[in-house]
Amino acid sequence: MTTIIGDPKRKVLVADSQYSDDDSDTKSKNNEKVFRVPQGWLAGAGDVTSIQQVVAWFKDGKKGKPPVIKDIDDADFMLLSDDGVFVSGKDLRFWQIYKPDALGSGTLAALAVMSLNHSAEEACWAACQSDLYSGTPVKIYSLNSKEPAIYDRETNALQGSSS
């Protein structure tokens, strides 16, 4: 599935970049799971087709009825905006979070690492080491950047434009 972390205090989203396909037992690295929308950055975990429909709806200004995500196609979302970090299930009813939270199959690993006072970047990287459905590179998204930064575990630094 994925690992996506929202850190409301730092106003960032952090995500792995691996797509996994259980049907074909394949994975693809260095994919985007977080998308620029008029409100900020929108991340999705779960069914890729459902995520693409929701992203398109956001990019179109949320005109018309929201996409309906089928029961068999699970998807969760995280939105980073000027107002903070918001989370939603497939019903697209967003609520604000005030402490770091995570979505996807790497959630438990990520939250455990963050409970030890590690950064969201370190937590996402750690989840990628143990979660079959999450993989590097780890990308960091902030509102003041048009492109994500890449987390470099060896130097514990960011490469790119996010802070």
N, C-alpha and C. Protein backbone atom coordinates (compact mmCIF):
# COMPACT_ATOMS: atom_id res chain seq x y z
N MET A 1 0.85 -1.18 0.00
CA MET A 1 0.00 0.00 0.00
C MET A 1 0.89 1.24 0.00
N THR A 2 1.36 1.69 1.18
CA THR A 2 2.16 2.91 1.20
C THR A 2 2.45 3.34 2.63
N THR A 3 3.28 4.36 2.76
CA THR A 3 3.46 5.06 4.03
C THR A 3 3.43 6.55 3.75
N ILE A 4 2.45 7.23 4.32
CA ILE A 4 2.34 8.68 4.20
C ILE A 4 2.21 9.24 5.62
N ILE A 5 3.02 10.24 5.93
CA ILE A 5 3.01 10.84 7.26
C ILE A 5 2.73 12.34 7.12
N GLY A 6 1.85 12.82 7.96
CA GLY A 6 1.58 14.26 8.04
C GLY A 6 2.10 14.79 9.36
N ASP A 7 2.88 15.85 9.31
CA ASP A 7 3.40 16.49 10.52
C ASP A 7 2.84 17.91 10.58
N PRO A 8 1.76 18.11 11.34
CA PRO A 8 1.11 19.43 11.39
C PRO A 8 2.01 20.54 11.94
N LYS A 9 2.87 20.22 12.88
CA LYS A 9 3.74 21.24 13.48
C LYS A 9 4.72 21.79 12.45
N ARG A 10 5.31 20.91 11.65
CA ARG A 10 6.26 21.32 10.61
C ARG A 10 5.57 21.68 9.30
N LYS A 11 4.29 21.38 9.19
CA LYS A 11 3.52 21.58 7.96
C LYS A 11 4.20 20.91 6.76
N VAL A 12 4.36 19.59 6.89
CA VAL A 12 4.92 18.78 5.81
C VAL A 12 4.15 17.47 5.69
N LEU A 13 4.19 16.92 4.48
CA LEU A 13 3.78 15.54 4.24
C LEU A 13 5.04 14.80 3.82
N VAL A 14 5.17 13.57 4.26
CA VAL A 14 6.31 12.74 3.92
C VAL A 14 5.74 11.42 3.39
N ALA A 15 6.29 10.95 2.26
CA ALA A 15 5.74 9.73 1.65
C ALA A 15 6.83 8.86 1.06
N ASP A 16 6.56 7.56 1.07
CA ASP A 16 7.41 6.65 0.32
C ASP A 16 7.04 6.80 -1.15
N SER A 17 7.70 6.05 -2.02
CA SER A 17 7.42 6.23 -3.46
C SER A 17 7.34 4.92 -4.23
N GLN A 18 6.88 3.86 -3.56
CA GLN A 18 6.75 2.56 -4.21
C GLN A 18 5.29 2.24 -4.51
N TYR A 19 5.02 1.83 -5.73
CA TYR A 19 3.72 1.26 -6.08
C TYR A 19 3.87 -0.25 -6.03
N SER A 20 2.89 -0.94 -5.48
CA SER A 20 2.92 -2.40 -5.41
C SER A 20 1.65 -2.96 -6.04
N ASP A 21 1.79 -4.07 -6.75
CA ASP A 21 0.65 -4.72 -7.40
C ASP A 21 0.61 -6.17 -6.95
N ASP A 22 -0.35 -6.48 -6.07
CA ASP A 22 -0.47 -7.85 -5.57
C ASP A 22 -0.85 -8.84 -6.67
N ASP A 23 -1.63 -8.39 -7.66
CA ASP A 23 -2.07 -9.29 -8.72
C ASP A 23 -0.90 -9.83 -9.52
N SER A 24 0.09 -8.98 -9.79
CA SER A 24 1.22 -9.42 -10.60
C SER A 24 2.50 -9.63 -9.78
N ASP A 25 2.40 -9.43 -8.45
CA ASP A 25 3.57 -9.54 -7.57
C ASP A 25 4.74 -8.68 -8.05
N THR A 26 4.42 -7.44 -8.44
CA THR A 26 5.46 -6.52 -8.89
C THR A 26 5.42 -5.24 -8.07
N LYS A 27 6.52 -4.50 -8.16
CA LYS A 27 6.57 -3.19 -7.53
C LYS A 27 7.33 -2.25 -8.44
N SER A 28 7.01 -0.97 -8.30
CA SER A 28 7.64 0.07 -9.09
C SER A 28 8.09 1.17 -8.14
N LYS A 29 9.33 1.60 -8.28
CA LYS A 29 9.89 2.59 -7.35
C LYS A 29 9.85 4.00 -7.95
N ASN A 30 10.03 4.98 -7.07
CA ASN A 30 10.13 6.40 -7.40
C ASN A 30 8.88 6.95 -8.08
N ASN A 31 7.73 6.64 -7.52
CA ASN A 31 6.45 7.13 -8.01
C ASN A 31 5.95 8.27 -7.12
N GLU A 32 5.03 9.05 -7.64
CA GLU A 32 4.42 10.14 -6.87
C GLU A 32 3.15 9.63 -6.20
N LYS A 33 3.04 9.89 -4.89
CA LYS A 33 1.84 9.56 -4.13
C LYS A 33 1.20 10.81 -3.55
N VAL A 34 1.84 11.94 -3.79
CA VAL A 34 1.39 13.23 -3.28
C VAL A 34 1.32 14.17 -4.48
N PHE A 35 0.19 14.90 -4.58
CA PHE A 35 -0.08 15.69 -5.78
C PHE A 35 -0.41 17.13 -5.42
N ARG A 36 0.10 18.06 -6.23
CA ARG A 36 -0.21 19.48 -6.03
C ARG A 36 -1.66 19.71 -6.46
N VAL A 37 -2.45 20.30 -5.57
CA VAL A 37 -3.84 20.67 -5.84
C VAL A 37 -4.00 22.13 -5.42
N PRO A 38 -5.09 22.80 -5.82
CA PRO A 38 -5.25 24.21 -5.45
C PRO A 38 -5.15 24.48 -3.94
N GLN A 39 -5.55 23.52 -3.12
CA GLN A 39 -5.54 23.71 -1.67
C GLN A 39 -4.16 23.48 -1.06
N GLY A 40 -3.23 22.86 -1.78
CA GLY A 40 -1.90 22.54 -1.25
C GLY A 40 -1.37 21.25 -1.84
N TRP A 41 -1.15 20.24 -1.00
CA TRP A 41 -0.69 18.92 -1.43
C TRP A 41 -1.70 17.87 -0.96
N LEU A 42 -2.08 16.95 -1.84
CA LEU A 42 -3.01 15.88 -1.53
C LEU A 42 -2.31 14.54 -1.72
N ALA A 43 -2.31 13.71 -0.67
CA ALA A 43 -1.69 12.39 -0.71
C ALA A 43 -2.76 11.32 -0.64
N GLY A 44 -2.50 10.20 -1.29
CA GLY A 44 -3.44 9.09 -1.26
C GLY A 44 -2.76 7.77 -1.02
N ALA A 45 -3.40 6.93 -0.22
CA ALA A 45 -2.93 5.56 0.04
C ALA A 45 -4.05 4.60 -0.31
N GLY A 46 -3.74 3.56 -1.05
CA GLY A 46 -4.76 2.58 -1.40
C GLY A 46 -4.89 2.39 -2.89
N ASP A 47 -6.11 2.20 -3.34
CA ASP A 47 -6.41 1.93 -4.74
C ASP A 47 -6.02 3.12 -5.63
N VAL A 48 -5.08 2.88 -6.55
CA VAL A 48 -4.53 3.95 -7.38
C VAL A 48 -5.59 4.62 -8.24
N THR A 49 -6.49 3.85 -8.83
CA THR A 49 -7.53 4.42 -9.68
C THR A 49 -8.43 5.36 -8.88
N SER A 50 -8.81 4.97 -7.68
CA SER A 50 -9.64 5.83 -6.83
C SER A 50 -8.89 7.09 -6.45
N ILE A 51 -7.61 6.96 -6.13
CA ILE A 51 -6.80 8.13 -5.77
C ILE A 51 -6.73 9.09 -6.95
N GLN A 52 -6.51 8.58 -8.15
CA GLN A 52 -6.43 9.44 -9.33
C GLN A 52 -7.74 10.19 -9.56
N GLN A 53 -8.87 9.55 -9.32
CA GLN A 53 -10.16 10.21 -9.48
C GLN A 53 -10.33 11.35 -8.47
N VAL A 54 -9.92 11.12 -7.23
CA VAL A 54 -10.04 12.15 -6.19
C VAL A 54 -9.09 13.31 -6.48
N VAL A 55 -7.88 13.01 -6.91
CA VAL A 55 -6.92 14.06 -7.26
C VAL A 55 -7.48 14.92 -8.40
N ALA A 56 -8.04 14.28 -9.42
CA ALA A 56 -8.63 15.03 -10.54
C ALA A 56 -9.77 15.92 -10.06
N TRP A 57 -10.59 15.41 -9.16
CA TRP A 57 -11.71 16.19 -8.61
C TRP A 57 -11.19 17.41 -7.85
N PHE A 58 -10.14 17.24 -7.05
CA PHE A 58 -9.53 18.36 -6.32
C PHE A 58 -8.95 19.37 -7.30
N LYS A 59 -8.22 18.88 -8.31
CA LYS A 59 -7.58 19.78 -9.29
C LYS A 59 -8.61 20.58 -10.06
N ASP A 60 -9.81 20.02 -10.21
CA ASP A 60 -10.90 20.69 -10.92
C ASP A 60 -11.70 21.60 -9.99
N GLY A 61 -11.18 21.86 -8.81
CA GLY A 61 -11.86 22.76 -7.88
C GLY A 61 -13.00 22.11 -7.13
N LYS A 62 -13.01 20.79 -7.05
CA LYS A 62 -14.06 20.03 -6.36
C LYS A 62 -15.45 20.38 -6.90
N LYS A 63 -15.53 20.56 -8.21
CA LYS A 63 -16.81 20.84 -8.86
C LYS A 63 -17.61 19.56 -9.01
N GLY A 64 -18.89 19.67 -8.86
CA GLY A 64 -19.75 18.50 -9.00
C GLY A 64 -19.66 17.59 -7.80
N LYS A 65 -20.24 16.41 -7.97
CA LYS A 65 -20.24 15.44 -6.89
C LYS A 65 -18.86 14.81 -6.75
N PRO A 66 -18.48 14.49 -5.50
CA PRO A 66 -17.19 13.83 -5.32
C PRO A 66 -17.21 12.42 -5.89
N PRO A 67 -16.04 11.91 -6.28
CA PRO A 67 -15.99 10.52 -6.77
C PRO A 67 -16.48 9.55 -5.69
N VAL A 68 -17.12 8.49 -6.13
CA VAL A 68 -17.57 7.45 -5.21
C VAL A 68 -16.56 6.31 -5.28
N ILE A 69 -15.98 5.99 -4.14
CA ILE A 69 -14.99 4.91 -4.06
C ILE A 69 -15.71 3.65 -3.61
N LYS A 70 -15.63 2.61 -4.41
CA LYS A 70 -16.31 1.35 -4.11
C LYS A 70 -15.78 0.73 -2.83
N ASP A 71 -16.62 -0.07 -2.20
CA ASP A 71 -16.24 -0.73 -0.96
C ASP A 71 -14.99 -1.61 -1.13
N ILE A 72 -14.86 -2.25 -2.28
CA ILE A 72 -13.70 -3.12 -2.49
C ILE A 72 -12.42 -2.34 -2.79
N ASP A 73 -12.56 -1.06 -3.14
CA ASP A 73 -11.41 -0.21 -3.45
C ASP A 73 -11.15 0.76 -2.32
N ASP A 74 -10.35 0.34 -1.37
CA ASP A 74 -10.07 1.17 -0.21
C ASP A 74 -9.10 2.28 -0.57
N ALA A 75 -9.28 3.46 0.00
CA ALA A 75 -8.37 4.58 -0.19
C ALA A 75 -8.52 5.54 0.98
N ASP A 76 -7.40 6.10 1.41
CA ASP A 76 -7.37 7.12 2.45
C ASP A 76 -6.57 8.29 1.92
N PHE A 77 -6.83 9.47 2.47
CA PHE A 77 -6.22 10.69 1.95
C PHE A 77 -5.71 11.58 3.06
N MET A 78 -4.69 12.37 2.73
CA MET A 78 -4.14 13.36 3.64
C MET A 78 -3.91 14.63 2.83
N LEU A 79 -4.38 15.75 3.37
CA LEU A 79 -4.27 17.04 2.69
C LEU A 79 -3.45 17.99 3.54
N LEU A 80 -2.43 18.59 2.94
CA LEU A 80 -1.65 19.65 3.58
C LEU A 80 -2.07 20.96 2.94
N SER A 81 -2.60 21.87 3.76
CA SER A 81 -3.04 23.18 3.26
C SER A 81 -2.54 24.26 4.20
N ASP A 82 -2.80 25.50 3.85
CA ASP A 82 -2.43 26.63 4.72
C ASP A 82 -3.07 26.50 6.10
N ASP A 83 -4.21 25.82 6.17
CA ASP A 83 -4.94 25.66 7.44
C ASP A 83 -4.45 24.51 8.29
N GLY A 84 -3.56 23.66 7.75
CA GLY A 84 -3.04 22.54 8.52
C GLY A 84 -3.05 21.24 7.74
N VAL A 85 -3.07 20.13 8.48
CA VAL A 85 -3.08 18.79 7.89
C VAL A 85 -4.43 18.15 8.20
N PHE A 86 -5.03 17.56 7.17
CA PHE A 86 -6.35 16.96 7.28
C PHE A 86 -6.30 15.53 6.74
N VAL A 87 -7.10 14.65 7.32
CA VAL A 87 -7.15 13.24 6.94
C VAL A 87 -8.58 12.86 6.58
N SER A 88 -8.71 11.92 5.64
CA SER A 88 -10.03 11.44 5.23
C SER A 88 -9.95 9.97 4.83
N GLY A 89 -11.05 9.28 5.04
CA GLY A 89 -11.22 7.96 4.48
C GLY A 89 -11.81 8.10 3.08
N LYS A 90 -12.31 7.00 2.56
CA LYS A 90 -12.85 7.04 1.20
C LYS A 90 -14.14 7.83 1.08
N ASP A 91 -14.73 8.22 2.23
CA ASP A 91 -15.93 9.06 2.19
C ASP A 91 -15.61 10.53 1.90
N LEU A 92 -14.33 10.88 1.90
CA LEU A 92 -13.84 12.22 1.60
C LEU A 92 -14.35 13.27 2.59
N ARG A 93 -14.62 12.84 3.82
CA ARG A 93 -14.98 13.78 4.90
C ARG A 93 -13.71 14.03 5.71
N PHE A 94 -13.06 15.15 5.43
CA PHE A 94 -11.76 15.46 6.01
C PHE A 94 -11.90 16.03 7.41
N TRP A 95 -10.98 15.65 8.30
CA TRP A 95 -10.90 16.23 9.64
C TRP A 95 -9.45 16.63 9.88
N GLN A 96 -9.28 17.66 10.69
CA GLN A 96 -7.94 18.18 10.96
C GLN A 96 -7.24 17.36 12.03
N ILE A 97 -5.93 17.16 11.84
CA ILE A 97 -5.12 16.50 12.86
C ILE A 97 -4.15 17.53 13.44
N TYR A 98 -3.80 17.34 14.70
CA TYR A 98 -2.93 18.29 15.40
C TYR A 98 -1.62 17.67 15.85
N LYS A 99 -1.51 16.37 15.72
CA LYS A 99 -0.27 15.64 16.03
C LYS A 99 0.07 14.82 14.80
N PRO A 100 1.33 14.42 14.64
CA PRO A 100 1.70 13.60 13.49
C PRO A 100 0.82 12.34 13.39
N ASP A 101 0.47 12.01 12.17
CA ASP A 101 -0.33 10.82 11.92
C ASP A 101 0.14 10.21 10.61
N ALA A 102 -0.31 9.00 10.32
CA ALA A 102 0.14 8.30 9.12
C ALA A 102 -0.99 7.52 8.47
N LEU A 103 -0.81 7.24 7.20
CA LEU A 103 -1.74 6.43 6.40
C LEU A 103 -0.97 5.28 5.77
N GLY A 104 -1.70 4.23 5.44
CA GLY A 104 -1.13 3.14 4.66
C GLY A 104 -0.60 2.00 5.50
N SER A 105 -0.02 1.05 4.80
CA SER A 105 0.44 -0.18 5.43
C SER A 105 1.64 0.03 6.35
N GLY A 106 2.36 1.14 6.20
CA GLY A 106 3.50 1.42 7.05
C GLY A 106 3.16 2.27 8.27
N THR A 107 1.86 2.48 8.52
CA THR A 107 1.43 3.36 9.61
C THR A 107 2.01 2.95 10.97
N LEU A 108 1.85 1.70 11.35
CA LEU A 108 2.29 1.29 12.69
C LEU A 108 3.79 1.47 12.88
N ALA A 109 4.57 1.08 11.88
CA ALA A 109 6.02 1.26 11.98
C ALA A 109 6.38 2.74 12.08
N ALA A 110 5.76 3.56 11.24
CA ALA A 110 6.06 4.99 11.23
C ALA A 110 5.72 5.65 12.56
N LEU A 111 4.54 5.36 13.08
CA LEU A 111 4.13 5.98 14.35
C LEU A 111 4.98 5.50 15.51
N ALA A 112 5.42 4.24 15.47
CA ALA A 112 6.30 3.73 16.53
C ALA A 112 7.63 4.48 16.52
N VAL A 113 8.19 4.68 15.35
CA VAL A 113 9.46 5.40 15.24
C VAL A 113 9.30 6.85 15.67
N MET A 114 8.20 7.49 15.29
CA MET A 114 7.97 8.88 15.69
C MET A 114 7.75 9.00 17.20
N SER A 115 7.22 7.96 17.82
CA SER A 115 7.01 8.01 19.27
C SER A 115 8.35 8.05 20.02
N LEU A 116 9.42 7.71 19.32
CA LEU A 116 10.77 7.76 19.90
C LEU A 116 11.47 9.08 19.53
N ASN A 117 10.67 10.06 19.12
CA ASN A 117 11.14 11.42 18.79
C ASN A 117 11.99 11.50 17.53
N HIS A 118 11.78 10.59 16.60
CA HIS A 118 12.43 10.69 15.29
C HIS A 118 11.54 11.53 14.37
N SER A 119 12.14 12.09 13.34
CA SER A 119 11.40 12.92 12.39
C SER A 119 10.49 12.07 11.51
N ALA A 120 9.58 12.74 10.82
CA ALA A 120 8.69 12.05 9.88
C ALA A 120 9.50 11.39 8.77
N GLU A 121 10.57 12.04 8.34
CA GLU A 121 11.42 11.48 7.29
C GLU A 121 12.07 10.17 7.76
N GLU A 122 12.61 10.19 8.99
CA GLU A 122 13.24 9.00 9.53
C GLU A 122 12.21 7.89 9.73
N ALA A 123 11.02 8.27 10.17
CA ALA A 123 9.96 7.29 10.39
C ALA A 123 9.52 6.64 9.09
N CYS A 124 9.38 7.43 8.04
CA CYS A 124 8.98 6.87 6.74
C CYS A 124 10.08 5.96 6.21
N TRP A 125 11.33 6.38 6.34
CA TRP A 125 12.45 5.55 5.91
C TRP A 125 12.44 4.21 6.66
N ALA A 126 12.23 4.28 7.97
CA ALA A 126 12.20 3.06 8.78
C ALA A 126 11.06 2.14 8.34
N ALA A 127 9.90 2.72 8.05
CA ALA A 127 8.77 1.91 7.58
C ALA A 127 9.12 1.22 6.26
N CYS A 128 9.87 1.90 5.41
CA CYS A 128 10.27 1.31 4.13
C CYS A 128 11.19 0.10 4.32
N GLN A 129 11.87 0.03 5.46
CA GLN A 129 12.78 -1.09 5.72
C GLN A 129 12.03 -2.36 6.14
N SER A 130 10.81 -2.19 6.67
CA SER A 130 10.10 -3.37 7.17
C SER A 130 8.77 -3.64 6.49
N ASP A 131 8.19 -2.65 5.84
CA ASP A 131 6.88 -2.81 5.21
C ASP A 131 7.05 -3.21 3.74
N LEU A 132 6.52 -4.34 3.39
CA LEU A 132 6.64 -4.88 2.03
C LEU A 132 6.10 -3.93 0.97
N TYR A 133 5.12 -3.10 1.33
CA TYR A 133 4.44 -2.26 0.35
C TYR A 133 4.90 -0.81 0.37
N SER A 134 6.01 -0.51 1.06
CA SER A 134 6.57 0.84 1.08
C SER A 134 8.03 0.76 0.65
N GLY A 135 8.47 1.76 -0.11
CA GLY A 135 9.85 1.75 -0.58
C GLY A 135 10.40 3.14 -0.80
N THR A 136 11.71 3.23 -0.75
CA THR A 136 12.40 4.49 -0.96
C THR A 136 12.45 4.82 -2.46
N PRO A 137 12.71 6.08 -2.81
CA PRO A 137 13.11 7.18 -1.95
C PRO A 137 11.95 7.78 -1.17
N VAL A 138 12.29 8.36 -0.03
CA VAL A 138 11.33 9.08 0.81
C VAL A 138 11.29 10.52 0.33
N LYS A 139 10.07 11.04 0.11
CA LYS A 139 9.90 12.40 -0.41
C LYS A 139 9.18 13.28 0.61
N ILE A 140 9.62 14.54 0.70
CA ILE A 140 9.07 15.49 1.65
C ILE A 140 8.43 16.64 0.88
N TYR A 141 7.18 16.95 1.25
CA TYR A 141 6.40 17.98 0.57
C TYR A 141 6.06 19.09 1.55
N SER A 142 6.32 20.34 1.15
CA SER A 142 5.95 21.48 1.97
C SER A 142 5.22 22.49 1.11
N LEU A 143 4.46 23.37 1.74
CA LEU A 143 3.66 24.33 1.00
C LEU A 143 4.50 25.34 0.22
N ASN A 144 5.70 25.63 0.70
CA ASN A 144 6.52 26.63 0.02
C ASN A 144 7.37 26.05 -1.09
N SER A 145 7.14 24.80 -1.47
CA SER A 145 7.89 24.16 -2.54
C SER A 145 6.97 23.60 -3.61
N LYS A 146 7.41 23.75 -4.85
CA LYS A 146 6.64 23.20 -5.97
C LYS A 146 6.99 21.74 -6.22
N GLU A 147 8.15 21.31 -5.75
CA GLU A 147 8.62 19.94 -5.94
C GLU A 147 9.01 19.36 -4.58
N PRO A 148 8.95 18.05 -4.45
CA PRO A 148 9.36 17.44 -3.18
C PRO A 148 10.88 17.44 -3.03
N ALA A 149 11.32 17.40 -1.79
CA ALA A 149 12.72 17.14 -1.49
C ALA A 149 12.86 15.64 -1.26
N ILE A 150 14.05 15.13 -1.44
CA ILE A 150 14.32 13.70 -1.23
C ILE A 150 15.14 13.57 0.06
N TYR A 151 14.71 12.66 0.93
CA TYR A 151 15.42 12.41 2.18
C TYR A 151 16.59 11.48 1.93
N ASP A 152 17.79 11.89 2.34
CA ASP A 152 18.99 11.08 2.21
C ASP A 152 19.35 10.52 3.58
N ARG A 153 19.11 9.26 3.80
CA ARG A 153 19.32 8.63 5.10
C ARG A 153 20.79 8.64 5.51
N GLU A 154 21.69 8.50 4.54
CA GLU A 154 23.12 8.44 4.85
C GLU A 154 23.61 9.74 5.49
N THR A 155 23.11 10.86 5.01
CA THR A 155 23.55 12.16 5.55
C THR A 155 22.50 12.77 6.48
N ASN A 156 21.35 12.11 6.60
CA ASN A 156 20.22 12.63 7.38
C ASN A 156 19.86 14.04 6.92
N ALA A 157 19.89 14.24 5.61
CA ALA A 157 19.63 15.56 5.04
C ALA A 157 18.62 15.45 3.90
N LEU A 158 18.14 16.61 3.49
CA LEU A 158 17.19 16.70 2.38
C LEU A 158 17.92 17.13 1.12
N GLN A 159 17.53 16.54 0.00
CA GLN A 159 18.04 16.96 -1.29
C GLN A 159 16.87 17.53 -2.07
N GLY A 160 16.95 18.76 -2.50
CA GLY A 160 15.85 19.37 -3.24
C GLY A 160 15.36 20.61 -2.56
N SER A 161 14.06 20.91 -2.81
CA SER A 161 13.57 22.24 -2.47
C SER A 161 12.70 22.35 -1.23
N SER A 162 12.26 21.26 -0.61
CA SER A 162 11.40 21.39 0.57
C SER A 162 12.22 21.67 1.81
N SER A 163 11.54 22.22 2.82
CA SER A 163 12.24 22.46 4.09
C SER A 163 11.78 21.49 5.14
